[in-house]
Amino acid sequence: MSILITMFFRSDNQKIKYPDSVLINKPITNFNRCLDMIEAIDLCVQIFSPIEKITSMKDKIKKVCKYV
């Protein structure tokens, strides 16, 4: 029995392993090949923003950024 996996490296160089059986029907995009490159977005939130709105925004961002 052989178990095949694919290893990905996050921007912080953390290794993430996925079984190929999980990835077989998933699209994979290679955004860059250089570990020194990273995309960052500064997000400013007013100090008086309700925590519920901040939590909701955080959840929506996580849904869009599934690859992180």
PDB file of N, CA and C in Angstrom:
ATOM      1  N   MET A   1       0.847  -1.177   0.000  1.00  0.00           N
ATOM      2  CA  MET A   1       0.000   0.000   0.000  1.00  0.00           C
ATOM      3  C   MET A   1       0.885   1.229   0.000  1.00  0.00           C
ATOM      4  N   SER A   2       0.639   2.145  -0.902  1.00  0.00           N
ATOM      5  CA  SER A   2       1.426   3.377  -0.916  1.00  0.00           C
ATOM      6  C   SER A   2       0.501   4.556  -0.695  1.00  0.00           C
ATOM      7  N   ILE A   3       0.958   5.477   0.126  1.00  0.00           N
ATOM      8  CA  ILE A   3       0.196   6.688   0.414  1.00  0.00           C
ATOM      9  C   ILE A   3       0.949   7.849  -0.210  1.00  0.00           C
ATOM     10  N   LEU A   4       0.307   8.529  -1.138  1.00  0.00           N
ATOM     11  CA  LEU A   4       0.937   9.638  -1.835  1.00  0.00           C
ATOM     12  C   LEU A   4       0.438  10.956  -1.255  1.00  0.00           C
ATOM     13  N   ILE A   5       1.363  11.851  -1.031  1.00  0.00           N
ATOM     14  CA  ILE A   5       1.019  13.153  -0.487  1.00  0.00           C
ATOM     15  C   ILE A   5       1.670  14.251  -1.312  1.00  0.00           C
ATOM     16  N   THR A   6       1.129  15.454  -1.202  1.00  0.00           N
ATOM     17  CA  THR A   6       1.728  16.647  -1.782  1.00  0.00           C
ATOM     18  C   THR A   6       2.015  17.603  -0.641  1.00  0.00           C
ATOM     19  N   MET A   7       3.209  18.186  -0.663  1.00  0.00           N
ATOM     20  CA  MET A   7       3.603  19.100   0.398  1.00  0.00           C
ATOM     21  C   MET A   7       3.614  20.529  -0.131  1.00  0.00           C
ATOM     22  N   PHE A   8       3.006  21.425   0.621  1.00  0.00           N
ATOM     23  CA  PHE A   8       2.985  22.846   0.295  1.00  0.00           C
ATOM     24  C   PHE A   8       3.752  23.600   1.370  1.00  0.00           C
ATOM     25  N   PHE A   9       4.310  24.731   0.980  1.00  0.00           N
ATOM     26  CA  PHE A   9       5.000  25.595   1.931  1.00  0.00           C
ATOM     27  C   PHE A   9       4.250  26.916   2.012  1.00  0.00           C
ATOM     28  N   ARG A  10       3.879  27.297   3.239  1.00  0.00           N
ATOM     29  CA  ARG A  10       3.217  28.579   3.443  1.00  0.00           C
ATOM     30  C   ARG A  10       4.244  29.695   3.383  1.00  0.00           C
ATOM     31  N   SER A  11       3.758  30.934   3.436  1.00  0.00           N
ATOM     32  CA  SER A  11       4.665  32.080   3.369  1.00  0.00           C
ATOM     33  C   SER A  11       5.607  32.146   4.564  1.00  0.00           C
ATOM     34  N   ASP A  12       5.212  31.532   5.686  1.00  0.00           N
ATOM     35  CA  ASP A  12       6.097  31.489   6.853  1.00  0.00           C
ATOM     36  C   ASP A  12       6.957  30.223   6.848  1.00  0.00           C
ATOM     37  N   ASN A  13       6.998  29.532   5.715  1.00  0.00           N
ATOM     38  CA  ASN A  13       7.808  28.342   5.472  1.00  0.00           C
ATOM     39  C   ASN A  13       7.301  27.112   6.226  1.00  0.00           C
ATOM     40  N   GLN A  14       6.092  27.162   6.754  1.00  0.00           N
ATOM     41  CA  GLN A  14       5.506  26.001   7.403  1.00  0.00           C
ATOM     42  C   GLN A  14       5.113  24.987   6.334  1.00  0.00           C
ATOM     43  N   LYS A  15       5.390  23.719   6.589  1.00  0.00           N
ATOM     44  CA  LYS A  15       5.046  22.655   5.649  1.00  0.00           C
ATOM     45  C   LYS A  15       3.622  22.176   5.927  1.00  0.00           C
ATOM     46  N   ILE A  16       2.848  22.045   4.861  1.00  0.00           N
ATOM     47  CA  ILE A  16       1.492  21.517   4.965  1.00  0.00           C
ATOM     48  C   ILE A  16       1.387  20.345   3.997  1.00  0.00           C
ATOM     49  N   LYS A  17       0.944  19.208   4.511  1.00  0.00           N
ATOM     50  CA  LYS A  17       0.835  18.001   3.691  1.00  0.00           C
ATOM     51  C   LYS A  17      -0.630  17.648   3.472  1.00  0.00           C
ATOM     52  N   TYR A  18      -0.955  17.314   2.201  1.00  0.00           N
ATOM     53  CA  TYR A  18      -2.294  16.868   1.857  1.00  0.00           C
ATOM     54  C   TYR A  18      -2.185  15.560   1.092  1.00  0.00           C
ATOM     55  N   PRO A  19      -3.063  14.611   1.362  1.00  0.00           N
ATOM     56  CA  PRO A  19      -3.079  13.387   0.552  1.00  0.00           C
ATOM     57  C   PRO A  19      -3.523  13.724  -0.875  1.00  0.00           C
ATOM     58  N   ASP A  20      -2.910  13.081  -1.826  1.00  0.00           N
ATOM     59  CA  ASP A  20      -3.272  13.331  -3.225  1.00  0.00           C
ATOM     60  C   ASP A  20      -4.737  13.009  -3.484  1.00  0.00           C
ATOM     61  N   SER A  21      -5.296  12.066  -2.739  1.00  0.00           N
ATOM     62  CA  SER A  21      -6.708  11.717  -2.930  1.00  0.00           C
ATOM     63  C   SER A  21      -7.623  12.893  -2.595  1.00  0.00           C
ATOM     64  N   VAL A  22      -7.189  13.781  -1.721  1.00  0.00           N
ATOM     65  CA  VAL A  22      -7.969  14.974  -1.382  1.00  0.00           C
ATOM     66  C   VAL A  22      -7.802  16.039  -2.468  1.00  0.00           C
ATOM     67  N   LEU A  23      -6.603  16.135  -3.020  1.00  0.00           N
ATOM     68  CA  LEU A  23      -6.285  17.199  -3.980  1.00  0.00           C
ATOM     69  C   LEU A  23      -6.675  16.885  -5.420  1.00  0.00           C
ATOM     70  N   ILE A  24      -7.032  15.663  -5.690  1.00  0.00           N
ATOM     71  CA  ILE A  24      -7.233  15.244  -7.080  1.00  0.00           C
ATOM     72  C   ILE A  24      -8.278  16.086  -7.815  1.00  0.00           C
ATOM     73  N   ASN A  25      -9.290  16.559  -7.126  1.00  0.00           N
ATOM     74  CA  ASN A  25     -10.339  17.356  -7.770  1.00  0.00           C
ATOM     75  C   ASN A  25     -10.314  18.815  -7.357  1.00  0.00           C
ATOM     76  N   LYS A  26      -9.217  19.274  -6.778  1.00  0.00           N
ATOM     77  CA  LYS A  26      -9.101  20.660  -6.312  1.00  0.00           C
ATOM     78  C   LYS A  26      -8.165  21.435  -7.241  1.00  0.00           C
ATOM     79  N   PRO A  27      -8.523  22.684  -7.564  1.00  0.00           N
ATOM     80  CA  PRO A  27      -7.598  23.497  -8.362  1.00  0.00           C
ATOM     81  C   PRO A  27      -6.433  23.976  -7.489  1.00  0.00           C
ATOM     82  N   ILE A  28      -5.248  23.950  -8.036  1.00  0.00           N
ATOM     83  CA  ILE A  28      -4.055  24.407  -7.322  1.00  0.00           C
ATOM     84  C   ILE A  28      -3.396  25.480  -8.168  1.00  0.00           C
ATOM     85  N   THR A  29      -3.130  26.627  -7.561  1.00  0.00           N
ATOM     86  CA  THR A  29      -2.508  27.734  -8.265  1.00  0.00           C
ATOM     87  C   THR A  29      -1.178  28.055  -7.620  1.00  0.00           C
ATOM     88  N   ASN A  30      -0.141  28.177  -8.434  1.00  0.00           N
ATOM     89  CA  ASN A  30       1.174  28.549  -7.936  1.00  0.00           C
ATOM     90  C   ASN A  30       1.325  30.056  -8.142  1.00  0.00           C
ATOM     91  N   PHE A  31       1.211  30.823  -7.063  1.00  0.00           N
ATOM     92  CA  PHE A  31       1.268  32.272  -7.171  1.00  0.00           C
ATOM     93  C   PHE A  31       2.690  32.783  -7.359  1.00  0.00           C
ATOM     94  N   ASN A  32       3.651  32.142  -6.745  1.00  0.00           N
ATOM     95  CA  ASN A  32       5.047  32.532  -6.923  1.00  0.00           C
ATOM     96  C   ASN A  32       5.948  31.375  -6.546  1.00  0.00           C
ATOM     97  N   ARG A  33       7.183  31.453  -6.978  1.00  0.00           N
ATOM     98  CA  ARG A  33       8.123  30.380  -6.691  1.00  0.00           C
ATOM     99  C   ARG A  33       9.211  30.829  -5.720  1.00  0.00           C
ATOM    100  N   CYS A  34       9.151  32.047  -5.278  1.00  0.00           N
ATOM    101  CA  CYS A  34      10.174  32.595  -4.395  1.00  0.00           C
ATOM    102  C   CYS A  34       9.601  32.713  -2.986  1.00  0.00           C
ATOM    103  N   LEU A  35      10.248  32.092  -2.005  1.00  0.00           N
ATOM    104  CA  LEU A  35       9.749  32.133  -0.642  1.00  0.00           C
ATOM    105  C   LEU A  35       9.834  33.534  -0.029  1.00  0.00           C
ATOM    106  N   ASP A  36      10.665  34.402  -0.601  1.00  0.00           N
ATOM    107  CA  ASP A  36      10.812  35.742  -0.059  1.00  0.00           C
ATOM    108  C   ASP A  36       9.665  36.665  -0.448  1.00  0.00           C
ATOM    109  N   MET A  37       8.837  36.236  -1.383  1.00  0.00           N
ATOM    110  CA  MET A  37       7.731  37.069  -1.842  1.00  0.00           C
ATOM    111  C   MET A  37       6.490  36.762  -1.017  1.00  0.00           C
ATOM    112  N   ILE A  38       5.742  37.796  -0.688  1.00  0.00           N
ATOM    113  CA  ILE A  38       4.521  37.621   0.094  1.00  0.00           C
ATOM    114  C   ILE A  38       3.569  38.768  -0.224  1.00  0.00           C
ATOM    115  N   GLU A  39       2.287  38.484  -0.152  1.00  0.00           N
ATOM    116  CA  GLU A  39       1.273  39.514  -0.321  1.00  0.00           C
ATOM    117  C   GLU A  39       0.765  39.885   1.065  1.00  0.00           C
ATOM    118  N   ALA A  40       0.659  41.155   1.337  1.00  0.00           N
ATOM    119  CA  ALA A  40       0.137  41.625   2.618  1.00  0.00           C
ATOM    120  C   ALA A  40      -0.846  42.757   2.373  1.00  0.00           C
ATOM    121  N   ILE A  41      -1.885  42.769   3.168  1.00  0.00           N
ATOM    122  CA  ILE A  41      -2.892  43.814   3.077  1.00  0.00           C
ATOM    123  C   ILE A  41      -3.084  44.388   4.475  1.00  0.00           C
ATOM    124  N   ASP A  42      -2.917  45.693   4.592  1.00  0.00           N
ATOM    125  CA  ASP A  42      -3.177  46.368   5.863  1.00  0.00           C
ATOM    126  C   ASP A  42      -4.662  46.673   5.957  1.00  0.00           C
ATOM    127  N   LEU A  43      -5.241  46.316   7.059  1.00  0.00           N
ATOM    128  CA  LEU A  43      -6.658  46.545   7.269  1.00  0.00           C
ATOM    129  C   LEU A  43      -6.825  47.381   8.531  1.00  0.00           C
ATOM    130  N   CYS A  44      -7.423  48.537   8.394  1.00  0.00           N
ATOM    131  CA  CYS A  44      -7.629  49.438   9.539  1.00  0.00           C
ATOM    132  C   CYS A  44      -9.086  49.360   9.974  1.00  0.00           C
ATOM    133  N   VAL A  45      -9.278  49.223  11.266  1.00  0.00           N
ATOM    134  CA  VAL A  45     -10.616  49.147  11.841  1.00  0.00           C
ATOM    135  C   VAL A  45     -10.716  50.203  12.930  1.00  0.00           C
ATOM    136  N   GLN A  46     -11.814  50.923  12.934  1.00  0.00           N
ATOM    137  CA  GLN A  46     -11.998  51.943  13.963  1.00  0.00           C
ATOM    138  C   GLN A  46     -12.067  51.297  15.341  1.00  0.00           C
ATOM    139  N   ILE A  47     -11.516  51.963  16.310  1.00  0.00           N
ATOM    140  CA  ILE A  47     -11.446  51.425  17.665  1.00  0.00           C
ATOM    141  C   ILE A  47     -12.824  51.203  18.284  1.00  0.00           C
ATOM    142  N   PHE A  48     -13.827  51.941  17.814  1.00  0.00           N
ATOM    143  CA  PHE A  48     -15.170  51.808  18.363  1.00  0.00           C
ATOM    144  C   PHE A  48     -16.022  50.793  17.602  1.00  0.00           C
ATOM    145  N   SER A  49     -15.425  50.043  16.677  1.00  0.00           N
ATOM    146  CA  SER A  49     -16.179  49.035  15.929  1.00  0.00           C
ATOM    147  C   SER A  49     -16.618  47.913  16.872  1.00  0.00           C
ATOM    148  N   PRO A  50     -17.873  47.489  16.757  1.00  0.00           N
ATOM    149  CA  PRO A  50     -18.346  46.391  17.610  1.00  0.00           C
ATOM    150  C   PRO A  50     -17.596  45.091  17.298  1.00  0.00           C
ATOM    151  N   ILE A  51     -17.297  44.326  18.326  1.00  0.00           N
ATOM    152  CA  ILE A  51     -16.551  43.073  18.149  1.00  0.00           C
ATOM    153  C   ILE A  51     -17.295  42.112  17.222  1.00  0.00           C
ATOM    154  N   GLU A  52     -18.624  42.159  17.208  1.00  0.00           N
ATOM    155  CA  GLU A  52     -19.400  41.276  16.335  1.00  0.00           C
ATOM    156  C   GLU A  52     -19.118  41.572  14.863  1.00  0.00           C
ATOM    157  N   LYS A  53     -19.003  42.854  14.520  1.00  0.00           N
ATOM    158  CA  LYS A  53     -18.698  43.225  13.129  1.00  0.00           C
ATOM    159  C   LYS A  53     -17.280  42.802  12.748  1.00  0.00           C
ATOM    160  N   ILE A  54     -16.350  42.971  13.671  1.00  0.00           N
ATOM    161  CA  ILE A  54     -14.962  42.580  13.403  1.00  0.00           C
ATOM    162  C   ILE A  54     -14.884  41.068  13.207  1.00  0.00           C
ATOM    163  N   THR A  55     -15.564  40.313  14.063  1.00  0.00           N
ATOM    164  CA  THR A  55     -15.571  38.853  13.942  1.00  0.00           C
ATOM    165  C   THR A  55     -16.208  38.422  12.632  1.00  0.00           C
ATOM    166  N   SER A  56     -17.302  39.074  12.246  1.00  0.00           N
ATOM    167  CA  SER A  56     -17.965  38.754  10.988  1.00  0.00           C
ATOM    168  C   SER A  56     -17.044  39.022   9.793  1.00  0.00           C
ATOM    169  N   MET A  57     -16.361  40.173   9.831  1.00  0.00           N
ATOM    170  CA  MET A  57     -15.438  40.516   8.750  1.00  0.00           C
ATOM    171  C   MET A  57     -14.288  39.503   8.678  1.00  0.00           C
ATOM    172  N   LYS A  58     -13.776  39.122   9.826  1.00  0.00           N
ATOM    173  CA  LYS A  58     -12.684  38.141   9.880  1.00  0.00           C
ATOM    174  C   LYS A  58     -13.123  36.817   9.258  1.00  0.00           C
ATOM    175  N   ASP A  59     -14.331  36.363   9.587  1.00  0.00           N
ATOM    176  CA  ASP A  59     -14.853  35.116   9.026  1.00  0.00           C
ATOM    177  C   ASP A  59     -15.016  35.201   7.511  1.00  0.00           C
ATOM    178  N   LYS A  60     -15.496  36.345   7.021  1.00  0.00           N
ATOM    179  CA  LYS A  60     -15.665  36.522   5.574  1.00  0.00           C
ATOM    180  C   LYS A  60     -14.324  36.531   4.857  1.00  0.00           C
ATOM    181  N   ILE A  61     -13.314  37.150   5.456  1.00  0.00           N
ATOM    182  CA  ILE A  61     -11.976  37.171   4.861  1.00  0.00           C
ATOM    183  C   ILE A  61     -11.400  35.766   4.809  1.00  0.00           C
ATOM    184  N   LYS A  62     -11.601  34.997   5.873  1.00  0.00           N
ATOM    185  CA  LYS A  62     -11.106  33.610   5.893  1.00  0.00           C
ATOM    186  C   LYS A  62     -11.744  32.774   4.800  1.00  0.00           C
ATOM    187  N   LYS A  63     -13.030  33.013   4.518  1.00  0.00           N
ATOM    188  CA  LYS A  63     -13.705  32.260   3.455  1.00  0.00           C
ATOM    189  C   LYS A  63     -13.091  32.567   2.098  1.00  0.00           C
ATOM    190  N   VAL A  64     -12.719  33.829   1.877  1.00  0.00           N
ATOM    191  CA  VAL A  64     -12.127  34.225   0.601  1.00  0.00           C
ATOM    192  C   VAL A  64     -10.696  33.697   0.494  1.00  0.00           C
ATOM    193  N   CYS A  65      -9.979  33.703   1.588  1.00  0.00           N
ATOM    194  CA  CYS A  65      -8.562  33.285   1.607  1.00  0.00           C
ATOM    195  C   CYS A  65      -8.439  31.845   2.069  1.00  0.00           C
ATOM    196  N   LYS A  66      -8.999  30.940   1.351  1.00  0.00           N
ATOM    197  CA  LYS A  66      -8.993  29.526   1.744  1.00  0.00           C
ATOM    198  C   LYS A  66      -7.602  28.898   1.650  1.00  0.00           C
ATOM    199  N   TYR A  67      -6.705  29.545   0.940  1.00  0.00           N
ATOM    200  CA  TYR A  67      -5.400  28.923   0.693  1.00  0.00           C
ATOM    201  C   TYR A  67      -4.397  29.220   1.805  1.00  0.00           C
ATOM    202  N   VAL A  68      -4.796  29.978   2.772  1.00  0.00           N
ATOM    203  CA  VAL A  68      -3.882  30.347   3.842  1.00  0.00           C
ATOM    204  C   VAL A  68      -4.034  29.437   5.010  1.00  0.00           C
TER     205      VAL A  68
END
